[in-house]
Amino acid sequence: MPTLTYTHWRDVPETTWRWPSFSPTEMACRGSGAIKINTEAMDMLQRLRNRLAKPLIVLSAYRSPEHNRAVGGAPASKHMLATAFDIAMANHDPVAFEAAARAVGFLGFGFYPRSGFMHIDLGPARSWGDRFPVQATAFIEETPPAREVLAQSRTLRGTGAAGVATVGAAGIEVAQEVLAETQDAVLPLVPYLETLRWVFIAVALGGIAVAVWARIDDWTRGRR
């Protein structure tokens, strides 16, 4: 497996770097700035990034022997060969991440749920640490703000009352015209119908007022 070594990540030629989702800075030793590039491991990491379709936050990649000792790494850590990566799980479901990493060819897995990252490397096949708790839902979906049930909506009640009253007032007016043209026996009812028509009009105006007040109140409470 081809491996390229540079004293500092700034020395990496742009023509050499072919992994668009990552940079030499991310892969360099956090202690010295030196970088070792294992092209097979980097190709696999890029395939994992493409498969997951979301960023990989690399906490640790290559480590110089001195830096590996300083951070308490294993004496034969794969980080010193640039074939291992520690990836934060902050933006990933660990179960889905592990499955994708295995699918692209990673064989070694270390689980660090308390520190929030997963170690992956080229192998040999093995695993250690306590697995991350299984999440019922990987990410909480955004839910729309609660809305009033239509049957309980103040606005609907107000506009409904206004509509019914308006129709009622119009019906009374039609009835008046019809009765006025019928027999004299029913003419005494016309004054009462006039009063009833005004009652319906008053109810309609009240319904409209309730609807307007409800919309203003909803606006002030952020229910738009």
N, C-alpha and C. Protein backbone atom coordinates (compact mmCIF):
# COMPACT_ATOMS: atom_id res chain seq x y z
N MET A 1 0.86 -1.19 0.00
CA MET A 1 0.00 0.00 0.00
C MET A 1 0.90 1.25 0.00
N PRO A 2 0.79 2.11 -1.01
CA PRO A 2 1.66 3.28 -1.12
C PRO A 2 1.49 4.24 0.06
N THR A 3 2.61 4.70 0.60
CA THR A 3 2.59 5.65 1.71
C THR A 3 3.52 6.81 1.39
N LEU A 4 3.00 8.02 1.55
CA LEU A 4 3.78 9.24 1.31
C LEU A 4 4.04 9.92 2.64
N THR A 5 5.24 10.41 2.87
CA THR A 5 5.61 11.05 4.14
C THR A 5 6.16 12.43 3.88
N TYR A 6 5.69 13.40 4.70
CA TYR A 6 6.15 14.78 4.58
C TYR A 6 6.45 15.32 5.99
N THR A 7 7.47 16.15 6.07
CA THR A 7 7.85 16.72 7.36
C THR A 7 6.75 17.58 7.95
N HIS A 8 6.00 18.25 7.11
CA HIS A 8 4.90 19.09 7.57
C HIS A 8 3.79 19.05 6.52
N TRP A 9 2.56 19.19 6.97
CA TRP A 9 1.43 19.10 6.04
C TRP A 9 1.48 20.19 4.97
N ARG A 10 2.13 21.32 5.26
CA ARG A 10 2.23 22.38 4.25
C ARG A 10 3.09 21.94 3.06
N ASP A 11 3.89 20.88 3.25
CA ASP A 11 4.77 20.43 2.17
C ASP A 11 4.07 19.51 1.17
N VAL A 12 2.82 19.16 1.43
CA VAL A 12 2.11 18.25 0.53
C VAL A 12 1.76 18.98 -0.77
N PRO A 13 2.22 18.52 -1.92
CA PRO A 13 1.90 19.18 -3.20
C PRO A 13 0.40 19.09 -3.49
N GLU A 14 -0.15 20.16 -4.03
CA GLU A 14 -1.57 20.15 -4.35
C GLU A 14 -1.90 19.07 -5.36
N THR A 15 -0.97 18.79 -6.26
CA THR A 15 -1.23 17.78 -7.28
C THR A 15 -1.27 16.36 -6.70
N THR A 16 -0.73 16.20 -5.51
CA THR A 16 -0.71 14.88 -4.87
C THR A 16 -2.01 14.59 -4.13
N TRP A 17 -2.64 15.65 -3.62
CA TRP A 17 -3.82 15.47 -2.77
C TRP A 17 -5.06 15.30 -3.64
N ARG A 18 -5.70 14.14 -3.56
CA ARG A 18 -6.83 13.83 -4.45
C ARG A 18 -8.12 13.46 -3.68
N TRP A 19 -8.20 13.85 -2.43
CA TRP A 19 -9.37 13.50 -1.61
C TRP A 19 -10.14 14.79 -1.29
N PRO A 20 -11.16 15.11 -2.07
CA PRO A 20 -11.82 16.43 -2.00
C PRO A 20 -12.53 16.74 -0.69
N SER A 21 -12.92 15.72 0.05
CA SER A 21 -13.67 15.96 1.30
C SER A 21 -12.77 16.20 2.50
N PHE A 22 -11.47 16.11 2.30
CA PHE A 22 -10.52 16.24 3.41
C PHE A 22 -9.36 17.14 3.01
N SER A 23 -8.57 17.51 4.00
CA SER A 23 -7.40 18.37 3.75
C SER A 23 -6.19 17.79 4.46
N PRO A 24 -4.99 18.13 4.02
CA PRO A 24 -3.78 17.66 4.71
C PRO A 24 -3.76 18.05 6.18
N THR A 25 -4.31 19.22 6.50
CA THR A 25 -4.34 19.67 7.90
C THR A 25 -5.06 18.67 8.79
N GLU A 26 -6.20 18.13 8.30
CA GLU A 26 -6.98 17.19 9.09
C GLU A 26 -6.23 15.88 9.33
N MET A 27 -5.40 15.49 8.38
CA MET A 27 -4.74 14.20 8.46
C MET A 27 -3.36 14.25 9.12
N ALA A 28 -2.87 15.45 9.39
CA ALA A 28 -1.53 15.61 9.95
C ALA A 28 -1.50 15.30 11.44
N CYS A 29 -0.32 15.04 11.95
CA CYS A 29 -0.12 14.79 13.37
C CYS A 29 -0.46 16.05 14.15
N ARG A 30 -1.29 15.93 15.18
CA ARG A 30 -1.69 17.08 15.98
C ARG A 30 -0.53 17.62 16.82
N GLY A 31 0.46 16.81 17.01
CA GLY A 31 1.57 17.25 17.84
C GLY A 31 2.68 17.93 17.07
N SER A 32 3.06 17.38 15.90
CA SER A 32 4.22 17.90 15.17
C SER A 32 3.86 18.56 13.84
N GLY A 33 2.69 18.28 13.33
CA GLY A 33 2.33 18.81 12.01
C GLY A 33 2.82 17.93 10.88
N ALA A 34 3.60 16.90 11.20
CA ALA A 34 4.08 15.97 10.17
C ALA A 34 2.90 15.17 9.63
N ILE A 35 3.06 14.65 8.43
CA ILE A 35 1.96 13.90 7.84
C ILE A 35 2.48 12.69 7.09
N LYS A 36 1.76 11.59 7.26
CA LYS A 36 2.02 10.38 6.50
C LYS A 36 0.70 10.03 5.82
N ILE A 37 0.73 9.80 4.54
CA ILE A 37 -0.48 9.55 3.77
C ILE A 37 -0.46 8.13 3.24
N ASN A 38 -1.37 7.32 3.76
CA ASN A 38 -1.56 5.98 3.22
C ASN A 38 -2.69 6.10 2.19
N THR A 39 -2.36 5.96 0.93
CA THR A 39 -3.35 6.23 -0.12
C THR A 39 -4.52 5.26 -0.08
N GLU A 40 -4.29 4.00 0.27
CA GLU A 40 -5.39 3.04 0.36
C GLU A 40 -6.36 3.45 1.47
N ALA A 41 -5.82 3.84 2.62
CA ALA A 41 -6.67 4.26 3.73
C ALA A 41 -7.45 5.52 3.37
N MET A 42 -6.79 6.47 2.70
CA MET A 42 -7.47 7.70 2.32
C MET A 42 -8.55 7.45 1.27
N ASP A 43 -8.29 6.56 0.34
CA ASP A 43 -9.31 6.22 -0.66
C ASP A 43 -10.54 5.61 0.02
N MET A 44 -10.28 4.77 1.03
CA MET A 44 -11.38 4.13 1.75
C MET A 44 -12.17 5.17 2.56
N LEU A 45 -11.45 6.11 3.16
CA LEU A 45 -12.12 7.15 3.94
C LEU A 45 -12.98 8.02 3.03
N GLN A 46 -12.51 8.34 1.85
CA GLN A 46 -13.29 9.14 0.92
C GLN A 46 -14.54 8.38 0.46
N ARG A 47 -14.39 7.07 0.24
CA ARG A 47 -15.57 6.27 -0.13
C ARG A 47 -16.60 6.26 0.99
N LEU A 48 -16.12 6.20 2.23
CA LEU A 48 -17.04 6.24 3.37
C LEU A 48 -17.77 7.58 3.41
N ARG A 49 -17.02 8.65 3.20
CA ARG A 49 -17.64 9.99 3.18
C ARG A 49 -18.70 10.08 2.07
N ASN A 50 -18.41 9.56 0.91
CA ASN A 50 -19.37 9.60 -0.20
C ASN A 50 -20.60 8.75 0.12
N ARG A 51 -20.37 7.63 0.76
CA ARG A 51 -21.49 6.72 1.07
C ARG A 51 -22.44 7.34 2.08
N LEU A 52 -21.89 7.99 3.10
CA LEU A 52 -22.72 8.60 4.14
C LEU A 52 -23.32 9.93 3.72
N ALA A 53 -22.69 10.58 2.74
CA ALA A 53 -23.19 11.85 2.22
C ALA A 53 -23.31 12.92 3.29
N LYS A 54 -22.40 12.90 4.24
CA LYS A 54 -22.34 13.96 5.24
C LYS A 54 -20.90 14.04 5.76
N PRO A 55 -20.49 15.19 6.30
CA PRO A 55 -19.09 15.37 6.71
C PRO A 55 -18.63 14.36 7.76
N LEU A 56 -17.35 14.02 7.68
CA LEU A 56 -16.69 13.21 8.70
C LEU A 56 -15.76 14.14 9.48
N ILE A 57 -15.98 14.22 10.78
CA ILE A 57 -15.14 15.06 11.64
C ILE A 57 -13.99 14.19 12.14
N VAL A 58 -12.79 14.41 11.58
CA VAL A 58 -11.62 13.60 11.91
C VAL A 58 -10.93 14.19 13.15
N LEU A 59 -10.96 13.46 14.24
CA LEU A 59 -10.34 13.92 15.48
C LEU A 59 -8.85 13.57 15.52
N SER A 60 -8.50 12.44 14.90
CA SER A 60 -7.11 12.01 14.89
C SER A 60 -6.89 11.11 13.69
N ALA A 61 -5.80 11.37 12.97
CA ALA A 61 -5.43 10.51 11.83
C ALA A 61 -3.99 10.04 12.07
N TYR A 62 -3.05 10.58 11.31
CA TYR A 62 -1.66 10.18 11.54
C TYR A 62 -1.14 10.74 12.86
N ARG A 63 -0.36 9.93 13.57
CA ARG A 63 0.33 10.38 14.79
C ARG A 63 1.81 9.99 14.67
N SER A 64 2.65 10.92 15.00
CA SER A 64 4.07 10.56 15.09
C SER A 64 4.26 9.68 16.31
N PRO A 65 5.30 8.86 16.36
CA PRO A 65 5.53 8.01 17.55
C PRO A 65 5.56 8.82 18.84
N GLU A 66 6.18 10.01 18.79
CA GLU A 66 6.26 10.84 20.00
C GLU A 66 4.87 11.30 20.44
N HIS A 67 4.07 11.75 19.48
CA HIS A 67 2.73 12.22 19.83
C HIS A 67 1.85 11.05 20.27
N ASN A 68 2.03 9.91 19.65
CA ASN A 68 1.24 8.75 20.05
C ASN A 68 1.50 8.39 21.51
N ARG A 69 2.76 8.44 21.94
CA ARG A 69 3.08 8.18 23.34
C ARG A 69 2.49 9.25 24.24
N ALA A 70 2.56 10.49 23.79
CA ALA A 70 2.07 11.61 24.61
C ALA A 70 0.58 11.51 24.89
N VAL A 71 -0.19 10.98 23.93
CA VAL A 71 -1.64 10.90 24.12
C VAL A 71 -2.06 9.54 24.67
N GLY A 72 -1.11 8.67 24.97
CA GLY A 72 -1.44 7.38 25.55
C GLY A 72 -1.93 6.36 24.54
N GLY A 73 -1.52 6.49 23.26
CA GLY A 73 -1.94 5.54 22.25
C GLY A 73 -1.29 4.18 22.44
N ALA A 74 -1.87 3.16 21.82
CA ALA A 74 -1.31 1.81 21.91
C ALA A 74 0.08 1.80 21.30
N PRO A 75 1.01 1.02 21.85
CA PRO A 75 2.38 0.99 21.34
C PRO A 75 2.47 0.69 19.84
N ALA A 76 1.54 -0.14 19.35
CA ALA A 76 1.55 -0.49 17.93
C ALA A 76 0.35 0.13 17.21
N SER A 77 -0.01 1.34 17.63
CA SER A 77 -1.20 1.99 17.08
C SER A 77 -1.12 2.12 15.56
N LYS A 78 -2.24 1.83 14.90
CA LYS A 78 -2.32 1.98 13.46
C LYS A 78 -2.27 3.45 13.04
N HIS A 79 -2.46 4.34 13.99
CA HIS A 79 -2.36 5.77 13.68
C HIS A 79 -0.94 6.12 13.21
N MET A 80 0.06 5.42 13.73
CA MET A 80 1.44 5.72 13.35
C MET A 80 1.74 5.27 11.92
N LEU A 81 0.87 4.41 11.38
CA LEU A 81 1.01 3.96 9.99
C LEU A 81 0.10 4.74 9.05
N ALA A 82 -0.69 5.65 9.61
CA ALA A 82 -1.66 6.45 8.84
C ALA A 82 -2.75 5.57 8.22
N THR A 83 -3.07 4.48 8.90
CA THR A 83 -4.14 3.61 8.42
C THR A 83 -5.33 3.60 9.39
N ALA A 84 -5.38 4.56 10.30
CA ALA A 84 -6.46 4.62 11.29
C ALA A 84 -6.97 6.04 11.40
N PHE A 85 -8.26 6.14 11.75
CA PHE A 85 -8.89 7.44 11.91
C PHE A 85 -9.86 7.38 13.09
N ASP A 86 -9.87 8.44 13.88
CA ASP A 86 -10.87 8.59 14.93
C ASP A 86 -11.89 9.60 14.43
N ILE A 87 -13.15 9.16 14.33
CA ILE A 87 -14.21 9.98 13.74
C ILE A 87 -15.26 10.31 14.79
N ALA A 88 -15.58 11.60 14.94
CA ALA A 88 -16.61 12.03 15.89
C ALA A 88 -17.98 11.54 15.43
N MET A 89 -18.80 11.15 16.41
CA MET A 89 -20.16 10.68 16.12
C MET A 89 -21.20 11.77 16.32
N ALA A 90 -20.75 13.00 16.49
CA ALA A 90 -21.69 14.09 16.78
C ALA A 90 -22.76 14.23 15.70
N ASN A 91 -22.42 13.98 14.46
CA ASN A 91 -23.38 14.15 13.36
C ASN A 91 -23.69 12.83 12.66
N HIS A 92 -23.49 11.71 13.37
CA HIS A 92 -23.74 10.41 12.77
C HIS A 92 -24.47 9.49 13.75
N ASP A 93 -25.27 8.59 13.21
CA ASP A 93 -25.82 7.49 13.99
C ASP A 93 -24.72 6.42 14.02
N PRO A 94 -24.17 6.09 15.20
CA PRO A 94 -23.05 5.14 15.27
C PRO A 94 -23.32 3.80 14.60
N VAL A 95 -24.55 3.31 14.70
CA VAL A 95 -24.88 2.02 14.09
C VAL A 95 -24.78 2.12 12.57
N ALA A 96 -25.36 3.16 12.00
CA ALA A 96 -25.30 3.35 10.56
C ALA A 96 -23.87 3.63 10.11
N PHE A 97 -23.12 4.39 10.93
CA PHE A 97 -21.73 4.69 10.57
C PHE A 97 -20.90 3.41 10.52
N GLU A 98 -21.03 2.57 11.53
CA GLU A 98 -20.26 1.32 11.56
C GLU A 98 -20.59 0.45 10.35
N ALA A 99 -21.88 0.34 10.05
CA ALA A 99 -22.29 -0.49 8.91
C ALA A 99 -21.69 0.04 7.61
N ALA A 100 -21.69 1.36 7.43
CA ALA A 100 -21.13 1.94 6.22
C ALA A 100 -19.62 1.75 6.17
N ALA A 101 -18.95 1.90 7.33
CA ALA A 101 -17.50 1.72 7.37
C ALA A 101 -17.11 0.29 7.03
N ARG A 102 -17.87 -0.66 7.53
CA ARG A 102 -17.58 -2.06 7.20
C ARG A 102 -17.84 -2.32 5.71
N ALA A 103 -18.86 -1.68 5.18
CA ALA A 103 -19.21 -1.91 3.78
C ALA A 103 -18.11 -1.43 2.83
N VAL A 104 -17.41 -0.36 3.20
CA VAL A 104 -16.36 0.15 2.30
C VAL A 104 -15.01 -0.53 2.53
N GLY A 105 -14.91 -1.36 3.60
CA GLY A 105 -13.69 -2.14 3.78
C GLY A 105 -12.92 -1.97 5.06
N PHE A 106 -13.34 -1.11 5.98
CA PHE A 106 -12.64 -0.98 7.26
C PHE A 106 -12.87 -2.24 8.09
N LEU A 107 -11.83 -2.68 8.81
CA LEU A 107 -11.89 -3.94 9.55
C LEU A 107 -11.72 -3.77 11.06
N GLY A 108 -10.96 -2.77 11.48
CA GLY A 108 -10.73 -2.55 12.90
C GLY A 108 -11.63 -1.47 13.44
N PHE A 109 -12.29 -1.74 14.59
CA PHE A 109 -13.24 -0.79 15.17
C PHE A 109 -13.02 -0.66 16.67
N GLY A 110 -12.89 0.57 17.13
CA GLY A 110 -12.81 0.86 18.56
C GLY A 110 -13.94 1.81 18.92
N PHE A 111 -14.69 1.47 19.98
CA PHE A 111 -15.86 2.25 20.35
C PHE A 111 -15.58 3.05 21.62
N TYR A 112 -15.82 4.36 21.54
CA TYR A 112 -15.57 5.26 22.68
C TYR A 112 -16.79 6.16 22.88
N PRO A 113 -17.90 5.57 23.36
CA PRO A 113 -19.12 6.36 23.51
C PRO A 113 -18.99 7.53 24.49
N ARG A 114 -18.19 7.35 25.54
CA ARG A 114 -18.05 8.45 26.52
C ARG A 114 -17.33 9.64 25.90
N SER A 115 -16.40 9.37 24.99
CA SER A 115 -15.67 10.46 24.33
C SER A 115 -16.33 10.87 23.02
N GLY A 116 -17.33 10.10 22.58
CA GLY A 116 -18.11 10.48 21.41
C GLY A 116 -17.43 10.26 20.07
N PHE A 117 -16.55 9.24 19.97
CA PHE A 117 -15.94 8.97 18.67
C PHE A 117 -15.77 7.48 18.45
N MET A 118 -15.53 7.12 17.18
CA MET A 118 -15.29 5.73 16.81
C MET A 118 -13.96 5.64 16.06
N HIS A 119 -13.14 4.67 16.44
CA HIS A 119 -11.87 4.41 15.76
C HIS A 119 -12.13 3.41 14.64
N ILE A 120 -11.60 3.69 13.44
CA ILE A 120 -11.69 2.74 12.34
C ILE A 120 -10.30 2.61 11.72
N ASP A 121 -9.96 1.40 11.29
CA ASP A 121 -8.66 1.23 10.63
C ASP A 121 -8.74 0.10 9.60
N LEU A 122 -7.65 -0.12 8.90
CA LEU A 122 -7.63 -1.11 7.82
C LEU A 122 -7.53 -2.55 8.30
N GLY A 123 -7.31 -2.77 9.56
CA GLY A 123 -7.27 -4.13 10.05
C GLY A 123 -5.94 -4.48 10.70
N PRO A 124 -5.83 -5.70 11.21
CA PRO A 124 -6.74 -6.83 11.00
C PRO A 124 -8.10 -6.68 11.66
N ALA A 125 -9.03 -7.57 11.31
CA ALA A 125 -10.39 -7.48 11.83
C ALA A 125 -10.40 -7.69 13.34
N ARG A 126 -10.94 -6.74 14.07
CA ARG A 126 -11.04 -6.83 15.51
C ARG A 126 -11.90 -5.66 15.98
N SER A 127 -12.30 -5.68 17.24
CA SER A 127 -13.05 -4.56 17.82
C SER A 127 -12.84 -4.54 19.31
N TRP A 128 -13.04 -3.38 19.92
CA TRP A 128 -12.88 -3.24 21.36
C TRP A 128 -13.73 -2.06 21.84
N GLY A 129 -13.94 -2.02 23.14
CA GLY A 129 -14.72 -0.94 23.74
C GLY A 129 -16.20 -1.26 23.78
N ASP A 130 -16.92 -0.45 24.53
CA ASP A 130 -18.38 -0.60 24.65
C ASP A 130 -19.06 0.10 23.48
N ARG A 131 -19.96 -0.60 22.84
CA ARG A 131 -20.67 -0.02 21.71
C ARG A 131 -21.57 1.13 22.16
N PHE A 132 -21.85 2.01 21.23
CA PHE A 132 -22.74 3.13 21.50
C PHE A 132 -24.15 2.61 21.75
N PRO A 133 -24.90 3.26 22.65
CA PRO A 133 -26.29 2.85 22.86
C PRO A 133 -27.08 2.98 21.56
N VAL A 134 -27.96 2.01 21.32
CA VAL A 134 -28.79 2.06 20.11
C VAL A 134 -29.81 3.17 20.28
N GLN A 135 -29.88 4.02 19.28
CA GLN A 135 -30.84 5.12 19.33
C GLN A 135 -32.11 4.69 18.63
N ALA A 136 -33.25 4.96 19.30
CA ALA A 136 -34.54 4.61 18.69
C ALA A 136 -34.73 5.36 17.39
N THR A 137 -34.33 6.64 17.40
CA THR A 137 -34.39 7.47 16.21
C THR A 137 -33.06 8.18 16.11
N ALA A 138 -32.40 8.05 14.96
CA ALA A 138 -31.06 8.63 14.81
C ALA A 138 -31.06 10.13 15.02
N PHE A 139 -32.03 10.79 14.40
CA PHE A 139 -32.12 12.24 14.52
C PHE A 139 -33.57 12.61 14.70
N ILE A 140 -33.82 13.58 15.53
CA ILE A 140 -35.19 14.04 15.77
C ILE A 140 -35.65 14.87 14.59
N GLU A 141 -36.75 14.46 13.98
CA GLU A 141 -37.25 15.21 12.85
C GLU A 141 -37.93 16.48 13.33
N GLU A 142 -37.80 17.50 12.53
CA GLU A 142 -38.46 18.75 12.87
C GLU A 142 -39.96 18.57 12.74
N THR A 143 -40.71 19.05 13.74
CA THR A 143 -42.16 18.96 13.71
C THR A 143 -42.76 20.34 13.62
N PRO A 144 -43.83 20.48 12.84
CA PRO A 144 -44.45 21.81 12.72
C PRO A 144 -45.04 22.24 14.04
N PRO A 145 -45.15 23.53 14.31
CA PRO A 145 -45.75 24.00 15.55
C PRO A 145 -47.18 23.53 15.68
N ALA A 146 -47.58 23.28 16.93
CA ALA A 146 -48.93 22.79 17.18
C ALA A 146 -49.95 23.79 16.69
N ARG A 147 -50.99 23.26 16.07
CA ARG A 147 -52.06 24.12 15.57
C ARG A 147 -53.35 23.77 16.29
N GLU A 148 -54.26 24.72 16.34
CA GLU A 148 -55.54 24.48 16.96
C GLU A 148 -56.33 23.49 16.13
N VAL A 149 -57.06 22.59 16.78
CA VAL A 149 -57.96 21.71 16.07
C VAL A 149 -59.06 22.55 15.47
N LEU A 150 -59.42 22.27 14.22
CA LEU A 150 -60.38 23.12 13.52
C LEU A 150 -61.69 23.25 14.29
N ALA A 151 -62.15 22.14 14.87
CA ALA A 151 -63.43 22.19 15.58
C ALA A 151 -63.35 23.09 16.80
N GLN A 152 -62.11 23.33 17.33
CA GLN A 152 -61.95 24.14 18.53
C GLN A 152 -61.42 25.53 18.21
N SER A 153 -61.21 25.83 16.96
CA SER A 153 -60.59 27.10 16.58
C SER A 153 -61.52 28.25 16.86
N ARG A 154 -60.99 29.24 17.57
CA ARG A 154 -61.80 30.43 17.85
C ARG A 154 -62.11 31.18 16.57
N THR A 155 -61.13 31.19 15.66
CA THR A 155 -61.33 31.88 14.40
C THR A 155 -62.43 31.22 13.61
N LEU A 156 -62.42 29.87 13.58
CA LEU A 156 -63.43 29.15 12.82
C LEU A 156 -64.81 29.38 13.42
N ARG A 157 -64.88 29.37 14.76
CA ARG A 157 -66.19 29.59 15.40
C ARG A 157 -66.72 30.98 15.07
N GLY A 158 -65.81 31.95 15.12
CA GLY A 158 -66.25 33.33 14.85
C GLY A 158 -66.72 33.50 13.43
N THR A 159 -65.92 33.03 12.47
CA THR A 159 -66.30 33.18 11.07
C THR A 159 -67.51 32.33 10.74
N GLY A 160 -67.63 31.15 11.40
CA GLY A 160 -68.80 30.31 11.16
C GLY A 160 -70.07 30.99 11.63
N ALA A 161 -70.01 31.59 12.81
CA ALA A 161 -71.18 32.30 13.32
C ALA A 161 -71.57 33.45 12.41
N ALA A 162 -70.54 34.16 11.95
CA ALA A 162 -70.81 35.29 11.06
C ALA A 162 -71.45 34.81 9.77
N GLY A 163 -70.96 33.69 9.24
CA GLY A 163 -71.52 33.17 7.99
C GLY A 163 -72.96 32.75 8.15
N VAL A 164 -73.24 31.99 9.22
CA VAL A 164 -74.61 31.53 9.46
C VAL A 164 -75.55 32.70 9.65
N ALA A 165 -75.11 33.69 10.43
CA ALA A 165 -75.96 34.84 10.69
C ALA A 165 -76.22 35.64 9.42
N THR A 166 -75.21 35.77 8.59
CA THR A 166 -75.39 36.51 7.34
C THR A 166 -76.39 35.82 6.44
N VAL A 167 -76.25 34.49 6.33
CA VAL A 167 -77.22 33.74 5.52
C VAL A 167 -78.62 33.87 6.10
N GLY A 168 -78.70 33.81 7.44
CA GLY A 168 -80.00 33.93 8.08
C GLY A 168 -80.64 35.27 7.81
N ALA A 169 -79.84 36.34 7.89
CA ALA A 169 -80.38 37.68 7.63
C ALA A 169 -80.87 37.80 6.21
N ALA A 170 -80.11 37.24 5.28
CA ALA A 170 -80.53 37.30 3.88
C ALA A 170 -81.81 36.50 3.67
N GLY A 171 -81.92 35.35 4.36
CA GLY A 171 -83.14 34.54 4.22
C GLY A 171 -84.35 35.27 4.76
N ILE A 172 -84.17 35.96 5.89
CA ILE A 172 -85.29 36.71 6.45
C ILE A 172 -85.75 37.80 5.48
N GLU A 173 -84.81 38.46 4.85
CA GLU A 173 -85.16 39.53 3.92
C GLU A 173 -85.96 38.99 2.74
N VAL A 174 -85.55 37.82 2.27
CA VAL A 174 -86.30 37.19 1.17
C VAL A 174 -87.69 36.81 1.64
N ALA A 175 -87.76 36.26 2.87
CA ALA A 175 -89.07 35.86 3.40
C ALA A 175 -90.00 37.05 3.53
N GLN A 176 -89.44 38.19 3.94
CA GLN A 176 -90.25 39.40 4.05
C GLN A 176 -90.88 39.78 2.70
N GLU A 177 -90.04 39.73 1.69
CA GLU A 177 -90.53 40.11 0.37
C GLU A 177 -91.62 39.16 -0.12
N VAL A 178 -91.42 37.86 0.21
CA VAL A 178 -92.42 36.87 -0.22
C VAL A 178 -93.71 37.07 0.53
N LEU A 179 -93.61 37.25 1.86
CA LEU A 179 -94.81 37.40 2.68
C LEU A 179 -95.56 38.69 2.35
N ALA A 180 -94.79 39.70 2.00
CA ALA A 180 -95.44 40.98 1.68
C ALA A 180 -96.30 40.86 0.44
N GLU A 181 -96.03 39.90 -0.40
CA GLU A 181 -96.78 39.73 -1.63
C GLU A 181 -97.86 38.67 -1.51
N THR A 182 -97.98 38.03 -0.30
CA THR A 182 -98.99 36.98 -0.12
C THR A 182 -100.23 37.55 0.54
N GLN A 183 -101.01 36.65 1.07
CA GLN A 183 -102.31 37.02 1.62
C GLN A 183 -102.17 37.95 2.81
N ASP A 184 -103.21 38.74 3.02
CA ASP A 184 -103.21 39.71 4.13
C ASP A 184 -103.11 39.03 5.49
N ALA A 185 -103.47 37.75 5.56
CA ALA A 185 -103.48 37.06 6.85
C ALA A 185 -102.09 36.93 7.46
N VAL A 186 -101.09 36.92 6.62
CA VAL A 186 -99.74 36.74 7.16
C VAL A 186 -98.98 38.06 7.24
N LEU A 187 -99.58 39.15 6.80
CA LEU A 187 -98.88 40.44 6.83
C LEU A 187 -98.47 40.87 8.23
N PRO A 188 -99.24 40.55 9.30
CA PRO A 188 -98.81 40.94 10.66
C PRO A 188 -97.46 40.36 11.06
N LEU A 189 -97.01 39.31 10.37
CA LEU A 189 -95.73 38.71 10.74
C LEU A 189 -94.54 39.51 10.23
N VAL A 190 -94.75 40.38 9.28
CA VAL A 190 -93.63 41.09 8.64
C VAL A 190 -92.81 41.91 9.64
N PRO A 191 -93.44 42.69 10.57
CA PRO A 191 -92.63 43.47 11.54
C PRO A 191 -91.73 42.58 12.39
N TYR A 192 -92.25 41.39 12.79
CA TYR A 192 -91.43 40.50 13.59
C TYR A 192 -90.25 39.96 12.80
N LEU A 193 -90.48 39.71 11.53
CA LEU A 193 -89.39 39.25 10.68
C LEU A 193 -88.32 40.32 10.53
N GLU A 194 -88.72 41.57 10.49
CA GLU A 194 -87.75 42.67 10.41
C GLU A 194 -86.86 42.69 11.64
N THR A 195 -87.49 42.50 12.81
CA THR A 195 -86.71 42.46 14.06
C THR A 195 -85.74 41.28 14.05
N LEU A 196 -86.22 40.11 13.58
CA LEU A 196 -85.38 38.93 13.54
C LEU A 196 -84.20 39.12 12.59
N ARG A 197 -84.45 39.85 11.48
CA ARG A 197 -83.36 40.10 10.53
C ARG A 197 -82.27 40.93 11.19
N TRP A 198 -82.62 41.90 11.96
CA TRP A 198 -81.62 42.72 12.65
C TRP A 198 -80.86 41.92 13.71
N VAL A 199 -81.56 40.93 14.32
CA VAL A 199 -80.88 40.07 15.28
C VAL A 199 -79.78 39.27 14.58
N PHE A 200 -80.13 38.72 13.39
CA PHE A 200 -79.13 37.97 12.63
C PHE A 200 -77.96 38.85 12.22
N ILE A 201 -78.25 40.08 11.83
CA ILE A 201 -77.17 41.00 11.44
C ILE A 201 -76.24 41.27 12.63
N ALA A 202 -76.83 41.45 13.81
CA ALA A 202 -76.02 41.69 15.00
C ALA A 202 -75.13 40.49 15.32
N VAL A 203 -75.69 39.28 15.16
CA VAL A 203 -74.89 38.07 15.39
C VAL A 203 -73.75 37.98 14.40
N ALA A 204 -74.02 38.33 13.14
CA ALA A 204 -72.97 38.29 12.11
C ALA A 204 -71.83 39.24 12.46
N LEU A 205 -72.19 40.46 12.86
CA LEU A 205 -71.16 41.43 13.24
C LEU A 205 -70.35 40.94 14.44
N GLY A 206 -71.04 40.31 15.39
CA GLY A 206 -70.34 39.78 16.56
C GLY A 206 -69.38 38.67 16.16
N GLY A 207 -69.81 37.79 15.24
CA GLY A 207 -68.93 36.72 14.77
C GLY A 207 -67.70 37.25 14.09
N ILE A 208 -67.88 38.29 13.28
CA ILE A 208 -66.74 38.89 12.60
C ILE A 208 -65.77 39.49 13.62
N ALA A 209 -66.32 40.14 14.65
CA ALA A 209 -65.47 40.73 15.68
C ALA A 209 -64.67 39.66 16.42
N VAL A 210 -65.32 38.51 16.71
CA VAL A 210 -64.62 37.41 17.39
C VAL A 210 -63.50 36.88 16.51
N ALA A 211 -63.77 36.74 15.21
CA ALA A 211 -62.75 36.22 14.29
C ALA A 211 -61.55 37.14 14.22
N VAL A 212 -61.81 38.44 14.12
CA VAL A 212 -60.72 39.41 14.05
C VAL A 212 -59.90 39.39 15.33
N TRP A 213 -60.59 39.37 16.47
CA TRP A 213 -59.87 39.33 17.76
C TRP A 213 -59.01 38.07 17.88
N ALA A 214 -59.57 36.92 17.43
CA ALA A 214 -58.83 35.67 17.52
C ALA A 214 -57.57 35.70 16.68
N ARG A 215 -57.64 36.25 15.47
CA ARG A 215 -56.46 36.32 14.62
C ARG A 215 -55.39 37.23 15.23
N ILE A 216 -55.82 38.35 15.80
CA ILE A 216 -54.86 39.26 16.45
C ILE A 216 -54.22 38.58 17.64
N ASP A 217 -55.01 37.85 18.42
CA ASP A 217 -54.48 37.15 19.59
C ASP A 217 -53.51 36.05 19.18
N ASP A 218 -53.86 35.29 18.12
CA ASP A 218 -52.95 34.26 17.62
C ASP A 218 -51.64 34.87 17.15
N TRP A 219 -51.72 36.02 16.49
CA TRP A 219 -50.50 36.67 15.99
C TRP A 219 -49.57 37.05 17.13
N THR A 220 -50.16 37.62 18.19
CA THR A 220 -49.34 38.04 19.33
C THR A 220 -48.73 36.85 20.06
N ARG A 221 -49.38 35.69 19.99
CA ARG A 221 -48.84 34.49 20.66
C ARG A 221 -47.95 33.67 19.74
N GLY A 222 -47.71 34.13 18.53
CA GLY A 222 -46.80 33.45 17.62
C GLY A 222 -47.41 32.26 16.93
N ARG A 223 -48.76 32.21 16.78
CA ARG A 223 -49.41 31.09 16.13
C ARG A 223 -49.65 31.33 14.64
N ARG A 224 -49.07 32.29 14.08
CA ARG A 224 -49.29 32.63 12.68
C ARG A 224 -49.29 31.40 11.82
